[in-house]
Every structure is written in structure tokens, then in C-alpha cells.
Amino acid sequence: MGKKNPWENVEVVSRYGRAEAIYDGVLEDITEIAKKEDFLYPVAMTSESYGLIEDIPDGDPRSVKQRTHIVLNALRLAVRGMPRNARNILFNVSFGEGKGTMLKAVCGPGDFGESVITIMYPYED
């Protein structure tokens, strides 16, 4: 006899998806920029980690878009040498103003089971 699915007859009371999180501002969709960097999957950043890009220090001539490219390039370099089935990766990003900041990228299912990437601080889920 096979295992019974414990969720089989459970009513879903609430579901909060990626699209809603982007709409609500919990996630910032950076997919269009990521496509230009040859990322195959949609990419979003948590609003907290996106603050790293948005809060441009005085005197930094780079735009939000340029800083987003820096984060994506740091992720790409960190991915090299990782096992193909790795779902989480820690990586360091630096905008040239000190030691840098540790971020985490998670590859997981989107709203419809498709692969998506979410960038966040290591303590975020």
C-alpha cells in the first residue's frame, strides 16, 4: 500500500505567490536586467536586499541599473563551480566601498512550478 498524501483533503485557506509579492513590493523583479545578463530564469530580489542597490551613497556615479548588473555578475561568478543541482548559494557583492555584503540566491519553484531565482540576505527566507 502506498503512502497517503496528508494534504489530500485539506482546504487551502490562503496562498501568497511570487506575483503577489512583486505586486506588493515584497519582491523587486529584476528579470529584464537579468535577461540582458543571460540569466535563463526570472530573477527577483527581496525588498530589503534591493535596498542595497537603491540606497546609492553620495558620490557614487552608478545608477540602480548599473548596481543591479554588479549584483548579477557577482552571482554569476559564484555559480561557476557549483553543483548543477545546487538550490542555494551564498555570494559576496561589493560596490567598491569596503569589504562587500553577503547575499544568498535561491533557485526554486515559482507560482506555476517554473524555476525562479530569488536574491536575499542570508537571514531571509
Protein backbone atom coordinates (compact mmCIF):
# COMPACT_ATOMS: atom_id res chain seq x y z
CA MET A 1 0.00 0.00 0.00
CA GLY A 2 1.38 3.43 -0.95
CA LYS A 3 1.70 6.38 1.39
CA LYS A 4 -1.37 8.55 1.66
CA ASN A 5 -0.97 12.24 0.87
CA PRO A 6 -1.61 14.07 4.18
CA TRP A 7 -2.72 17.19 2.25
CA GLU A 8 -5.18 15.36 0.02
CA ASN A 9 -8.42 16.71 1.56
CA VAL A 10 -7.06 19.89 3.15
CA GLU A 11 -8.71 23.14 2.11
CA VAL A 12 -6.24 25.88 1.17
CA VAL A 13 -7.21 28.94 3.18
CA SER A 14 -4.59 31.32 1.82
CA ARG A 15 -1.87 31.30 -0.79
CA TYR A 16 0.65 34.09 -1.31
CA GLY A 17 2.54 33.77 -4.56
CA ARG A 18 5.57 35.36 -6.15
CA ALA A 19 3.48 37.55 -8.45
CA GLU A 20 1.60 38.95 -5.44
CA ALA A 21 4.87 39.55 -3.60
CA ILE A 22 6.18 41.52 -6.60
CA TYR A 23 2.91 43.48 -6.83
CA ASP A 24 3.02 44.24 -3.09
CA GLY A 25 6.66 45.34 -3.22
CA VAL A 26 7.92 42.46 -1.06
CA LEU A 27 9.99 41.35 -4.06
CA GLU A 28 11.58 43.56 -6.71
CA ASP A 29 11.51 41.96 -10.18
CA ILE A 30 14.87 42.38 -11.92
CA THR A 31 14.18 39.84 -14.67
CA GLU A 32 14.57 42.27 -17.56
CA ILE A 33 18.06 43.26 -16.45
CA ALA A 34 18.90 39.61 -15.70
CA LYS A 35 17.86 38.61 -19.24
CA LYS A 36 20.46 41.03 -20.60
CA GLU A 37 23.00 39.22 -18.41
CA ASP A 38 21.90 35.89 -19.98
CA PHE A 39 20.07 34.55 -16.93
CA LEU A 40 17.59 31.92 -18.09
CA TYR A 41 15.18 32.15 -15.15
CA PRO A 42 13.17 35.07 -13.77
CA VAL A 43 15.09 36.88 -11.01
CA ALA A 44 13.77 38.93 -8.11
CA MET A 45 15.30 40.46 -5.01
CA THR A 46 13.69 40.87 -1.63
CA SER A 47 12.85 44.49 -0.91
CA GLU A 48 15.41 44.50 1.90
CA SER A 49 18.26 43.24 -0.29
CA TYR A 50 17.17 45.54 -3.13
CA GLY A 51 17.77 48.42 -0.73
CA LEU A 52 21.47 47.62 -1.11
CA ILE A 53 21.13 48.64 -4.75
CA GLU A 54 18.68 51.52 -4.30
CA ASP A 55 20.49 53.28 -1.46
CA ILE A 56 23.25 54.79 -3.55
CA PRO A 57 25.87 56.54 -1.41
CA ASP A 58 26.68 60.17 -2.17
CA GLY A 59 29.35 60.40 -4.81
CA ASP A 60 28.64 57.00 -6.37
CA PRO A 61 28.06 57.74 -10.07
CA ARG A 62 26.48 54.34 -10.77
CA SER A 63 22.75 54.03 -11.33
CA VAL A 64 20.39 51.47 -9.82
CA LYS A 65 20.59 49.57 -13.11
CA GLN A 66 24.40 49.51 -13.02
CA ARG A 67 24.41 48.36 -9.40
CA THR A 68 21.91 45.61 -10.32
CA HIS A 69 24.33 44.42 -13.01
CA ILE A 70 27.09 44.26 -10.37
CA VAL A 71 24.92 42.02 -8.14
CA LEU A 72 24.03 39.75 -11.06
CA ASN A 73 27.66 39.46 -12.16
CA ALA A 74 28.71 38.58 -8.60
CA LEU A 75 26.05 35.87 -8.58
CA ARG A 76 27.18 34.54 -11.95
CA LEU A 77 30.79 34.27 -10.72
CA ALA A 78 29.65 32.49 -7.55
CA VAL A 79 27.58 29.99 -9.54
CA ARG A 80 30.60 28.82 -11.51
CA GLY A 81 31.90 25.64 -9.99
CA MET A 82 28.70 24.94 -8.04
CA PRO A 83 27.00 21.56 -8.49
CA ARG A 84 24.28 21.69 -11.15
CA ASN A 85 21.61 20.71 -8.66
CA ALA A 86 22.53 23.36 -6.05
CA ARG A 87 19.48 25.35 -4.97
CA ASN A 88 21.09 27.87 -2.58
CA ILE A 89 24.28 29.84 -2.96
CA LEU A 90 25.97 32.45 -0.80
CA PHE A 91 27.90 35.14 -2.61
CA ASN A 92 29.63 38.39 -1.83
CA VAL A 93 28.88 41.60 -3.67
CA SER A 94 30.97 44.74 -3.43
CA PHE A 95 30.38 48.13 -4.95
CA GLY A 96 33.95 49.15 -4.16
CA GLU A 97 33.14 50.74 -0.81
CA GLY A 98 34.61 48.26 1.62
CA LYS A 99 34.54 44.52 2.18
CA GLY A 100 31.21 43.88 0.48
CA THR A 101 27.94 42.31 1.54
CA MET A 102 26.97 38.66 1.70
CA LEU A 103 23.81 37.73 -0.22
CA LYS A 104 22.02 34.45 -0.85
CA ALA A 105 20.39 33.28 -4.07
CA VAL A 106 17.77 30.56 -4.01
CA CYS A 107 16.55 28.73 -7.10
CA GLY A 108 13.12 27.27 -6.52
CA PRO A 109 9.62 26.94 -7.91
CA GLY A 110 7.60 29.96 -8.97
CA ASP A 111 3.83 30.31 -8.87
CA PHE A 112 3.36 27.63 -11.52
CA GLY A 113 6.27 25.34 -10.63
CA GLU A 114 8.71 27.04 -13.02
CA SER A 115 12.30 27.71 -11.93
CA VAL A 116 12.88 31.19 -10.49
CA ILE A 117 15.76 32.84 -8.64
CA THR A 118 15.36 35.00 -5.57
CA ILE A 119 18.22 37.07 -4.16
CA MET A 120 18.13 37.99 -0.48
CA TYR A 121 20.19 38.46 2.64
CA PRO A 122 21.34 35.16 4.20
CA TYR A 123 18.94 35.54 7.15
CA GLU A 124 15.90 35.98 4.90
CA ASP A 125 13.66 33.17 3.67
